[in-house]
Amino acid sequence: MSQGVRVIGADRAQLRWEMVDLDSQLPDDHRARLVWAFVQGLDLAELYDRIKARDEAAGRPATDPQVVLAVWLYATMEGIGSARAIDRLCQQHAAYRWLCGGAPINHDLLATFRRENAAILDRLLTQSLTGLIAEKLITLEELTIDGTKVRARAGRGSMSKRKRLESIEKAVAERVAALKSELDQDPAEPERQRKRRALQAAEERADRRKADHPGGADDRRHQGARPPGRARASEAGRAGAGAGRTGQDARQARGREG
């Protein structure tokens, strides 16, 4: 080092008080915001009815079921079913930390919530993902079933809207069930799977863009403007309110056919 030079070096042992605004850490169009807006539109009375901490009754307040469900829904979209892996992400990943919003979350709470509300969670997660896909807030390509895309089982050109919705709901239910079996899995494995899926999805998107627009430089002219993040969040809220109806419509249609 040059003689007399003055620098400020790294001091990672120094204790610091840092002001953190979680909301500023996440872009307006991040899909974690869509998930939260969607969950806010759901009827979660069944989950709130199970909370024992009420008014003057003794005991610690429970973590809001909206928060826990939003975390599980986002993790399911990411293909993660391990409670320990989600716990780690809630501490380290900006999107999960934003969804938690400071509410206490740990792997015991996540696992207990998933087990004690298994039937309700299976239904809510299935209806929510189906609703998000039906409203085009997420795409079929974003949901992977053991490496096989849902769209391979629910192609648009070969079936009616109703049959396509039923096919999506069936595939989503299978994915939710598969992820539930990973509840106690090694937390490192889901993260490795998530990274592999993200890389595969990015490569497939790049291949599709090349196939659709060989010119390359003209791609931007052919792509529609993406809705602003807040507008998409509003759409997600409305879709959440209608998610239950989406699942019911599919079941009623099957009943009429039977």
C-alpha atoms as a PDB file:
ATOM      1  CA  MET A   1       0.000   0.000   0.000  1.00  0.00           C
ATOM      2  CA  SER A   2       1.250   3.478  -0.860  1.00  0.00           C
ATOM      3  CA  GLN A   3       2.765   5.329   2.092  1.00  0.00           C
ATOM      4  CA  GLY A   4       0.435   7.797   3.749  1.00  0.00           C
ATOM      5  CA  VAL A   5      -2.727   6.621   1.952  1.00  0.00           C
ATOM      6  CA  ARG A   6      -5.921   6.921   4.014  1.00  0.00           C
ATOM      7  CA  VAL A   7      -8.805   4.489   3.514  1.00  0.00           C
ATOM      8  CA  ILE A   8     -11.802   3.169   5.409  1.00  0.00           C
ATOM      9  CA  GLY A   9     -11.598  -0.613   5.543  1.00  0.00           C
ATOM     10  CA  ALA A  10     -14.245  -3.254   6.161  1.00  0.00           C
ATOM     11  CA  ASP A  11     -15.179  -3.840   9.803  1.00  0.00           C
ATOM     12  CA  ARG A  12     -17.727  -6.647   9.844  1.00  0.00           C
ATOM     13  CA  ALA A  13     -17.606  -7.049  13.618  1.00  0.00           C
ATOM     14  CA  GLN A  14     -18.877  -3.510  14.218  1.00  0.00           C
ATOM     15  CA  LEU A  15     -22.397  -3.428  15.640  1.00  0.00           C
ATOM     16  CA  ARG A  16     -24.748  -1.235  13.630  1.00  0.00           C
ATOM     17  CA  TRP A  17     -28.246   0.102  13.926  1.00  0.00           C
ATOM     18  CA  GLU A  18     -29.719   0.264  10.448  1.00  0.00           C
ATOM     19  CA  MET A  19     -33.070   1.719   9.443  1.00  0.00           C
ATOM     20  CA  VAL A  20     -34.691  -0.797   7.083  1.00  0.00           C
ATOM     21  CA  ASP A  21     -37.825  -0.050   5.098  1.00  0.00           C
ATOM     22  CA  LEU A  22     -38.961  -3.425   3.785  1.00  0.00           C
ATOM     23  CA  ASP A  23     -41.343  -1.888   1.278  1.00  0.00           C
ATOM     24  CA  SER A  24     -38.533  -0.032  -0.482  1.00  0.00           C
ATOM     25  CA  GLN A  25     -36.567  -3.270  -0.870  1.00  0.00           C
ATOM     26  CA  LEU A  26     -39.071  -4.777  -3.314  1.00  0.00           C
ATOM     27  CA  PRO A  27     -39.909  -3.465  -6.835  1.00  0.00           C
ATOM     28  CA  ASP A  28     -43.505  -2.403  -7.417  1.00  0.00           C
ATOM     29  CA  ASP A  29     -44.001  -5.148 -10.003  1.00  0.00           C
ATOM     30  CA  HIS A  30     -42.517  -7.977  -7.917  1.00  0.00           C
ATOM     31  CA  ARG A  31     -44.847 -10.948  -7.818  1.00  0.00           C
ATOM     32  CA  ALA A  32     -44.619 -11.177  -4.033  1.00  0.00           C
ATOM     33  CA  ARG A  33     -46.836  -8.081  -4.056  1.00  0.00           C
ATOM     34  CA  LEU A  34     -49.302  -9.917  -6.317  1.00  0.00           C
ATOM     35  CA  VAL A  35     -49.369 -12.839  -3.903  1.00  0.00           C
ATOM     36  CA  TRP A  36     -50.079 -10.551  -0.948  1.00  0.00           C
ATOM     37  CA  ALA A  37     -52.831  -8.670  -2.784  1.00  0.00           C
ATOM     38  CA  PHE A  38     -54.345 -11.982  -3.860  1.00  0.00           C
ATOM     39  CA  VAL A  39     -54.321 -13.435  -0.328  1.00  0.00           C
ATOM     40  CA  GLN A  40     -55.946 -10.262   1.024  1.00  0.00           C
ATOM     41  CA  GLY A  41     -58.929 -11.014  -1.216  1.00  0.00           C
ATOM     42  CA  LEU A  42     -59.419 -14.552   0.161  1.00  0.00           C
ATOM     43  CA  ASP A  43     -61.930 -15.559   2.820  1.00  0.00           C
ATOM     44  CA  LEU A  44     -59.789 -16.992   5.630  1.00  0.00           C
ATOM     45  CA  ALA A  45     -62.498 -17.195   8.295  1.00  0.00           C
ATOM     46  CA  GLU A  46     -61.736 -20.894   8.863  1.00  0.00           C
ATOM     47  CA  LEU A  47     -58.151 -20.087   9.783  1.00  0.00           C
ATOM     48  CA  TYR A  48     -59.009 -17.129  12.020  1.00  0.00           C
ATOM     49  CA  ASP A  49     -61.638 -19.220  13.853  1.00  0.00           C
ATOM     50  CA  ARG A  50     -58.873 -21.580  15.022  1.00  0.00           C
ATOM     51  CA  ILE A  51     -56.891 -18.855  16.794  1.00  0.00           C
ATOM     52  CA  LYS A  52     -57.128 -19.157  20.587  1.00  0.00           C
ATOM     53  CA  ALA A  53     -55.659 -15.749  21.477  1.00  0.00           C
ATOM     54  CA  ARG A  54     -58.716 -13.493  21.773  1.00  0.00           C
ATOM     55  CA  ASP A  55     -59.417 -10.174  23.502  1.00  0.00           C
ATOM     56  CA  GLU A  56     -58.490 -10.495  27.174  1.00  0.00           C
ATOM     57  CA  ALA A  57     -57.654 -14.222  27.049  1.00  0.00           C
ATOM     58  CA  ALA A  58     -54.132 -15.077  28.191  1.00  0.00           C
ATOM     59  CA  GLY A  59     -51.552 -16.097  25.655  1.00  0.00           C
ATOM     60  CA  ARG A  60     -49.375 -14.682  22.932  1.00  0.00           C
ATOM     61  CA  PRO A  61     -51.026 -13.281  19.784  1.00  0.00           C
ATOM     62  CA  ALA A  62     -50.804 -15.620  16.807  1.00  0.00           C
ATOM     63  CA  THR A  63     -49.000 -14.756  13.608  1.00  0.00           C
ATOM     64  CA  ASP A  64     -51.625 -13.518  11.154  1.00  0.00           C
ATOM     65  CA  PRO A  65     -52.851 -16.441   8.970  1.00  0.00           C
ATOM     66  CA  GLN A  66     -52.773 -14.070   5.986  1.00  0.00           C
ATOM     67  CA  VAL A  67     -49.013 -13.755   6.423  1.00  0.00           C
ATOM     68  CA  VAL A  68     -48.395 -17.492   6.845  1.00  0.00           C
ATOM     69  CA  LEU A  69     -50.612 -18.377   3.894  1.00  0.00           C
ATOM     70  CA  ALA A  70     -48.940 -15.750   1.694  1.00  0.00           C
ATOM     71  CA  VAL A  71     -45.521 -17.197   2.545  1.00  0.00           C
ATOM     72  CA  TRP A  72     -46.703 -20.736   1.769  1.00  0.00           C
ATOM     73  CA  LEU A  73     -48.342 -19.616  -1.486  1.00  0.00           C
ATOM     74  CA  TYR A  74     -45.232 -17.786  -2.649  1.00  0.00           C
ATOM     75  CA  ALA A  75     -43.033 -20.757  -1.694  1.00  0.00           C
ATOM     76  CA  THR A  76     -45.352 -23.111  -3.589  1.00  0.00           C
ATOM     77  CA  MET A  77     -45.040 -20.902  -6.668  1.00  0.00           C
ATOM     78  CA  GLU A  78     -41.278 -21.166  -6.238  1.00  0.00           C
ATOM     79  CA  GLY A  79     -41.464 -24.947  -5.933  1.00  0.00           C
ATOM     80  CA  ILE A  80     -40.367 -25.045  -2.277  1.00  0.00           C
ATOM     81  CA  GLY A  81     -42.088 -27.316   0.239  1.00  0.00           C
ATOM     82  CA  SER A  82     -39.546 -27.576   3.064  1.00  0.00           C
ATOM     83  CA  ALA A  83     -40.502 -25.594   6.168  1.00  0.00           C
ATOM     84  CA  ARG A  84     -36.832 -25.180   7.137  1.00  0.00           C
ATOM     85  CA  ALA A  85     -35.934 -23.907   3.673  1.00  0.00           C
ATOM     86  CA  ILE A  86     -38.775 -21.375   3.801  1.00  0.00           C
ATOM     87  CA  ASP A  87     -37.694 -20.303   7.292  1.00  0.00           C
ATOM     88  CA  ARG A  88     -34.205 -19.629   5.955  1.00  0.00           C
ATOM     89  CA  LEU A  89     -35.609 -17.630   3.045  1.00  0.00           C
ATOM     90  CA  CYS A  90     -37.778 -15.589   5.422  1.00  0.00           C
ATOM     91  CA  GLN A  91     -34.577 -14.457   7.106  1.00  0.00           C
ATOM     92  CA  GLN A  92     -32.430 -13.895   4.025  1.00  0.00           C
ATOM     93  CA  HIS A  93     -34.575 -13.308   0.914  1.00  0.00           C
ATOM     94  CA  ALA A  94     -36.094  -9.865   0.300  1.00  0.00           C
ATOM     95  CA  ALA A  95     -39.401 -11.163  -1.102  1.00  0.00           C
ATOM     96  CA  TYR A  96     -40.032 -13.510   1.824  1.00  0.00           C
ATOM     97  CA  ARG A  97     -38.976 -10.879   4.345  1.00  0.00           C
ATOM     98  CA  TRP A  98     -41.388  -8.433   2.707  1.00  0.00           C
ATOM     99  CA  LEU A  99     -44.237 -10.948   2.906  1.00  0.00           C
ATOM    100  CA  CYS A 100     -43.504 -11.579   6.594  1.00  0.00           C
ATOM    101  CA  GLY A 101     -43.418  -7.830   7.232  1.00  0.00           C
ATOM    102  CA  GLY A 102     -41.819  -8.351  10.649  1.00  0.00           C
ATOM    103  CA  ALA A 103     -44.403 -10.914  11.811  1.00  0.00           C
ATOM    104  CA  PRO A 104     -42.749 -13.854  13.612  1.00  0.00           C
ATOM    105  CA  ILE A 105     -42.142 -16.822  11.308  1.00  0.00           C
ATOM    106  CA  ASN A 106     -40.032 -19.927  11.941  1.00  0.00           C
ATOM    107  CA  HIS A 107     -39.916 -23.492  10.652  1.00  0.00           C
ATOM    108  CA  ASP A 108     -41.912 -24.874  13.609  1.00  0.00           C
ATOM    109  CA  LEU A 109     -44.735 -22.389  12.996  1.00  0.00           C
ATOM    110  CA  LEU A 110     -44.698 -23.065   9.254  1.00  0.00           C
ATOM    111  CA  ALA A 111     -44.721 -26.845   9.679  1.00  0.00           C
ATOM    112  CA  THR A 112     -47.397 -26.805  12.383  1.00  0.00           C
ATOM    113  CA  PHE A 113     -49.600 -24.468  10.336  1.00  0.00           C
ATOM    114  CA  ARG A 114     -49.224 -26.758   7.302  1.00  0.00           C
ATOM    115  CA  ARG A 115     -50.036 -29.934   9.243  1.00  0.00           C
ATOM    116  CA  GLU A 116     -52.873 -28.649  11.418  1.00  0.00           C
ATOM    117  CA  ASN A 117     -54.614 -26.960   8.495  1.00  0.00           C
ATOM    118  CA  ALA A 118     -53.697 -29.533   5.851  1.00  0.00           C
ATOM    119  CA  ALA A 119     -57.097 -29.839   4.159  1.00  0.00           C
ATOM    120  CA  ILE A 120     -57.745 -26.084   4.226  1.00  0.00           C
ATOM    121  CA  LEU A 121     -54.248 -25.282   2.929  1.00  0.00           C
ATOM    122  CA  ASP A 122     -54.478 -27.878   0.160  1.00  0.00           C
ATOM    123  CA  ARG A 123     -57.721 -26.288  -1.019  1.00  0.00           C
ATOM    124  CA  LEU A 124     -56.586 -22.671  -0.659  1.00  0.00           C
ATOM    125  CA  LEU A 125     -53.228 -23.223  -2.354  1.00  0.00           C
ATOM    126  CA  THR A 126     -54.830 -25.146  -5.218  1.00  0.00           C
ATOM    127  CA  GLN A 127     -57.594 -22.588  -5.747  1.00  0.00           C
ATOM    128  CA  SER A 128     -55.181 -19.677  -5.430  1.00  0.00           C
ATOM    129  CA  LEU A 129     -52.668 -20.969  -7.973  1.00  0.00           C
ATOM    130  CA  THR A 130     -55.465 -21.960 -10.343  1.00  0.00           C
ATOM    131  CA  GLY A 131     -57.018 -18.510  -9.972  1.00  0.00           C
ATOM    132  CA  LEU A 132     -53.706 -16.725 -10.538  1.00  0.00           C
ATOM    133  CA  ILE A 133     -53.123 -18.736 -13.705  1.00  0.00           C
ATOM    134  CA  ALA A 134     -56.708 -18.250 -14.921  1.00  0.00           C
ATOM    135  CA  GLU A 135     -56.399 -14.486 -14.437  1.00  0.00           C
ATOM    136  CA  LYS A 136     -53.027 -14.546 -16.267  1.00  0.00           C
ATOM    137  CA  LEU A 137     -51.252 -13.042 -13.252  1.00  0.00           C
ATOM    138  CA  ILE A 138     -48.787 -15.916 -13.397  1.00  0.00           C
ATOM    139  CA  THR A 139     -48.136 -18.218 -16.331  1.00  0.00           C
ATOM    140  CA  LEU A 140     -48.381 -21.956 -16.702  1.00  0.00           C
ATOM    141  CA  GLU A 141     -44.662 -22.004 -17.435  1.00  0.00           C
ATOM    142  CA  GLU A 142     -43.952 -20.773 -13.908  1.00  0.00           C
ATOM    143  CA  LEU A 143     -45.420 -23.897 -12.338  1.00  0.00           C
ATOM    144  CA  THR A 144     -43.307 -27.019 -12.688  1.00  0.00           C
ATOM    145  CA  ILE A 145     -44.323 -30.573 -11.851  1.00  0.00           C
ATOM    146  CA  ASP A 146     -41.207 -32.717 -11.468  1.00  0.00           C
ATOM    147  CA  GLY A 147     -39.629 -30.985 -14.452  1.00  0.00           C
ATOM    148  CA  THR A 148     -42.756 -31.249 -16.669  1.00  0.00           C
ATOM    149  CA  LYS A 149     -44.560 -28.046 -17.485  1.00  0.00           C
ATOM    150  CA  VAL A 150     -48.254 -27.829 -16.660  1.00  0.00           C
ATOM    151  CA  ARG A 151     -48.901 -26.423 -20.123  1.00  0.00           C
ATOM    152  CA  ALA A 152     -47.977 -29.791 -21.582  1.00  0.00           C
ATOM    153  CA  ARG A 153     -51.042 -31.171 -19.834  1.00  0.00           C
ATOM    154  CA  ALA A 154     -53.282 -28.186 -20.464  1.00  0.00           C
ATOM    155  CA  GLY A 155     -52.633 -26.910 -23.948  1.00  0.00           C
ATOM    156  CA  ARG A 156     -54.800 -24.007 -25.025  1.00  0.00           C
ATOM    157  CA  GLY A 157     -55.518 -25.089 -28.555  1.00  0.00           C
ATOM    158  CA  SER A 158     -56.899 -28.564 -27.865  1.00  0.00           C
ATOM    159  CA  MET A 159     -59.513 -27.953 -25.184  1.00  0.00           C
ATOM    160  CA  SER A 160     -62.271 -25.613 -24.095  1.00  0.00           C
ATOM    161  CA  LYS A 161     -61.773 -22.989 -21.426  1.00  0.00           C
ATOM    162  CA  ARG A 162     -63.660 -25.069 -18.853  1.00  0.00           C
ATOM    163  CA  LYS A 163     -61.716 -28.239 -19.576  1.00  0.00           C
ATOM    164  CA  ARG A 164     -58.469 -26.306 -19.538  1.00  0.00           C
ATOM    165  CA  LEU A 165     -59.360 -24.863 -16.125  1.00  0.00           C
ATOM    166  CA  GLU A 166     -60.142 -28.342 -14.809  1.00  0.00           C
ATOM    167  CA  SER A 167     -56.847 -29.636 -16.182  1.00  0.00           C
ATOM    168  CA  ILE A 168     -54.921 -26.785 -14.573  1.00  0.00           C
ATOM    169  CA  GLU A 169     -56.669 -27.333 -11.236  1.00  0.00           C
ATOM    170  CA  LYS A 170     -55.883 -31.062 -11.310  1.00  0.00           C
ATOM    171  CA  ALA A 171     -52.218 -30.447 -12.152  1.00  0.00           C
ATOM    172  CA  VAL A 172     -51.901 -27.757  -9.482  1.00  0.00           C
ATOM    173  CA  ALA A 173     -53.465 -30.051  -6.856  1.00  0.00           C
ATOM    174  CA  GLU A 174     -50.905 -32.723  -7.700  1.00  0.00           C
ATOM    175  CA  ARG A 175     -48.088 -30.197  -7.371  1.00  0.00           C
ATOM    176  CA  VAL A 176     -49.373 -28.983  -4.001  1.00  0.00           C
ATOM    177  CA  ALA A 177     -49.538 -32.595  -2.765  1.00  0.00           C
ATOM    178  CA  ALA A 178     -46.011 -33.300  -3.991  1.00  0.00           C
ATOM    179  CA  LEU A 179     -44.598 -30.243  -2.235  1.00  0.00           C
ATOM    180  CA  LYS A 180     -46.395 -31.158   1.003  1.00  0.00           C
ATOM    181  CA  SER A 181     -44.338 -34.355   1.124  1.00  0.00           C
ATOM    182  CA  GLU A 182     -41.178 -32.201   1.278  1.00  0.00           C
ATOM    183  CA  LEU A 183     -42.251 -30.507   4.522  1.00  0.00           C
ATOM    184  CA  ASP A 184     -39.376 -31.919   6.612  1.00  0.00           C
ATOM    185  CA  GLN A 185     -36.845 -32.059   3.794  1.00  0.00           C
ATOM    186  CA  ASP A 186     -33.236 -30.856   4.000  1.00  0.00           C
ATOM    187  CA  PRO A 187     -33.475 -27.063   3.569  1.00  0.00           C
ATOM    188  CA  ALA A 188     -30.577 -26.939   1.123  1.00  0.00           C
ATOM    189  CA  GLU A 189     -32.200 -29.232  -1.454  1.00  0.00           C
ATOM    190  CA  PRO A 190     -35.231 -27.016  -2.292  1.00  0.00           C
ATOM    191  CA  GLU A 191     -32.889 -24.072  -2.808  1.00  0.00           C
ATOM    192  CA  ARG A 192     -30.802 -26.108  -5.238  1.00  0.00           C
ATOM    193  CA  GLN A 193     -33.978 -27.159  -7.051  1.00  0.00           C
ATOM    194  CA  ARG A 194     -35.219 -23.564  -7.137  1.00  0.00           C
ATOM    195  CA  LYS A 195     -31.988 -22.367  -8.742  1.00  0.00           C
ATOM    196  CA  ARG A 196     -32.094 -25.150 -11.332  1.00  0.00           C
ATOM    197  CA  ARG A 197     -35.710 -24.316 -12.201  1.00  0.00           C
ATOM    198  CA  ALA A 198     -34.953 -20.599 -12.425  1.00  0.00           C
ATOM    199  CA  LEU A 199     -32.045 -21.254 -14.796  1.00  0.00           C
ATOM    200  CA  GLN A 200     -34.119 -23.640 -16.905  1.00  0.00           C
ATOM    201  CA  ALA A 201     -37.017 -21.165 -17.094  1.00  0.00           C
ATOM    202  CA  ALA A 202     -34.686 -18.325 -18.116  1.00  0.00           C
ATOM    203  CA  GLU A 203     -33.166 -20.446 -20.863  1.00  0.00           C
ATOM    204  CA  GLU A 204     -36.590 -21.468 -22.157  1.00  0.00           C
ATOM    205  CA  ARG A 205     -37.807 -17.846 -22.182  1.00  0.00           C
ATOM    206  CA  ALA A 206     -34.722 -16.812 -24.134  1.00  0.00           C
ATOM    207  CA  ASP A 207     -35.277 -19.643 -26.637  1.00  0.00           C
ATOM    208  CA  ARG A 208     -38.933 -18.651 -27.110  1.00  0.00           C
ATOM    209  CA  ARG A 209     -38.004 -15.001 -27.711  1.00  0.00           C
ATOM    210  CA  LYS A 210     -35.477 -16.029 -30.325  1.00  0.00           C
ATOM    211  CA  ALA A 211     -38.007 -18.296 -32.032  1.00  0.00           C
ATOM    212  CA  ASP A 212     -40.797 -15.697 -31.967  1.00  0.00           C
ATOM    213  CA  HIS A 213     -38.660 -12.710 -33.010  1.00  0.00           C
ATOM    214  CA  PRO A 214     -35.630 -13.777 -35.044  1.00  0.00           C
ATOM    215  CA  GLY A 215     -34.777 -10.120 -35.662  1.00  0.00           C
ATOM    216  CA  GLY A 216     -33.733  -9.634 -32.046  1.00  0.00           C
ATOM    217  CA  ALA A 217     -33.529  -5.846 -32.128  1.00  0.00           C
ATOM    218  CA  ASP A 218     -37.253  -5.572 -32.941  1.00  0.00           C
ATOM    219  CA  ASP A 219     -38.355  -7.633 -29.916  1.00  0.00           C
ATOM    220  CA  ARG A 220     -39.338  -4.646 -27.827  1.00  0.00           C
ATOM    221  CA  ARG A 221     -41.737  -3.361 -30.490  1.00  0.00           C
ATOM    222  CA  HIS A 222     -43.608  -6.684 -30.504  1.00  0.00           C
ATOM    223  CA  GLN A 223     -43.942  -7.027 -26.739  1.00  0.00           C
ATOM    224  CA  GLY A 224     -46.951  -5.425 -25.068  1.00  0.00           C
ATOM    225  CA  ALA A 225     -46.362  -2.979 -22.236  1.00  0.00           C
ATOM    226  CA  ARG A 226     -46.359  -4.702 -18.860  1.00  0.00           C
ATOM    227  CA  PRO A 227     -49.012  -3.407 -16.475  1.00  0.00           C
ATOM    228  CA  PRO A 228     -47.654  -1.268 -13.614  1.00  0.00           C
ATOM    229  CA  GLY A 229     -46.926  -3.192 -10.429  1.00  0.00           C
ATOM    230  CA  ARG A 230     -49.639  -1.541  -8.356  1.00  0.00           C
ATOM    231  CA  ALA A 231     -52.256  -2.162 -11.079  1.00  0.00           C
ATOM    232  CA  ARG A 232     -51.296  -5.819 -11.231  1.00  0.00           C
ATOM    233  CA  ALA A 233     -51.537  -6.040  -7.445  1.00  0.00           C
ATOM    234  CA  SER A 234     -55.059  -4.621  -7.645  1.00  0.00           C
ATOM    235  CA  GLU A 235     -55.936  -7.251 -10.249  1.00  0.00           C
ATOM    236  CA  ALA A 236     -54.533  -9.914  -7.944  1.00  0.00           C
ATOM    237  CA  GLY A 237     -56.749  -8.726  -5.094  1.00  0.00           C
ATOM    238  CA  ARG A 238     -59.840  -9.046  -7.278  1.00  0.00           C
ATOM    239  CA  ALA A 239     -58.685 -12.448  -8.476  1.00  0.00           C
ATOM    240  CA  GLY A 240     -58.223 -13.575  -4.871  1.00  0.00           C
ATOM    241  CA  ALA A 241     -61.805 -12.665  -4.063  1.00  0.00           C
ATOM    242  CA  GLY A 242     -62.946 -14.800  -6.996  1.00  0.00           C
ATOM    243  CA  ALA A 243     -60.586 -17.725  -6.428  1.00  0.00           C
ATOM    244  CA  GLY A 244     -63.117 -19.698  -4.437  1.00  0.00           C
ATOM    245  CA  ARG A 245     -65.661 -19.266  -7.208  1.00  0.00           C
ATOM    246  CA  THR A 246     -63.121 -20.511  -9.773  1.00  0.00           C
ATOM    247  CA  GLY A 247     -62.667 -23.787  -7.909  1.00  0.00           C
ATOM    248  CA  GLN A 248     -66.389 -24.144  -7.293  1.00  0.00           C
ATOM    249  CA  ASP A 249     -67.208 -23.579 -10.989  1.00  0.00           C
ATOM    250  CA  ALA A 250     -64.878 -26.375 -12.019  1.00  0.00           C
ATOM    251  CA  ARG A 251     -66.338 -28.765  -9.463  1.00  0.00           C
ATOM    252  CA  GLN A 252     -69.934 -27.881 -10.382  1.00  0.00           C
ATOM    253  CA  ALA A 253     -69.157 -28.445 -14.053  1.00  0.00           C
ATOM    254  CA  ARG A 254     -67.799 -31.893 -13.264  1.00  0.00           C
ATOM    255  CA  GLY A 255     -70.926 -32.601 -11.189  1.00  0.00           C
ATOM    256  CA  ARG A 256     -73.240 -31.665 -14.069  1.00  0.00           C
ATOM    257  CA  GLU A 257     -71.306 -33.894 -16.447  1.00  0.00           C
ATOM    258  CA  GLY A 258     -71.539 -36.785 -13.953  1.00  0.00           C
END
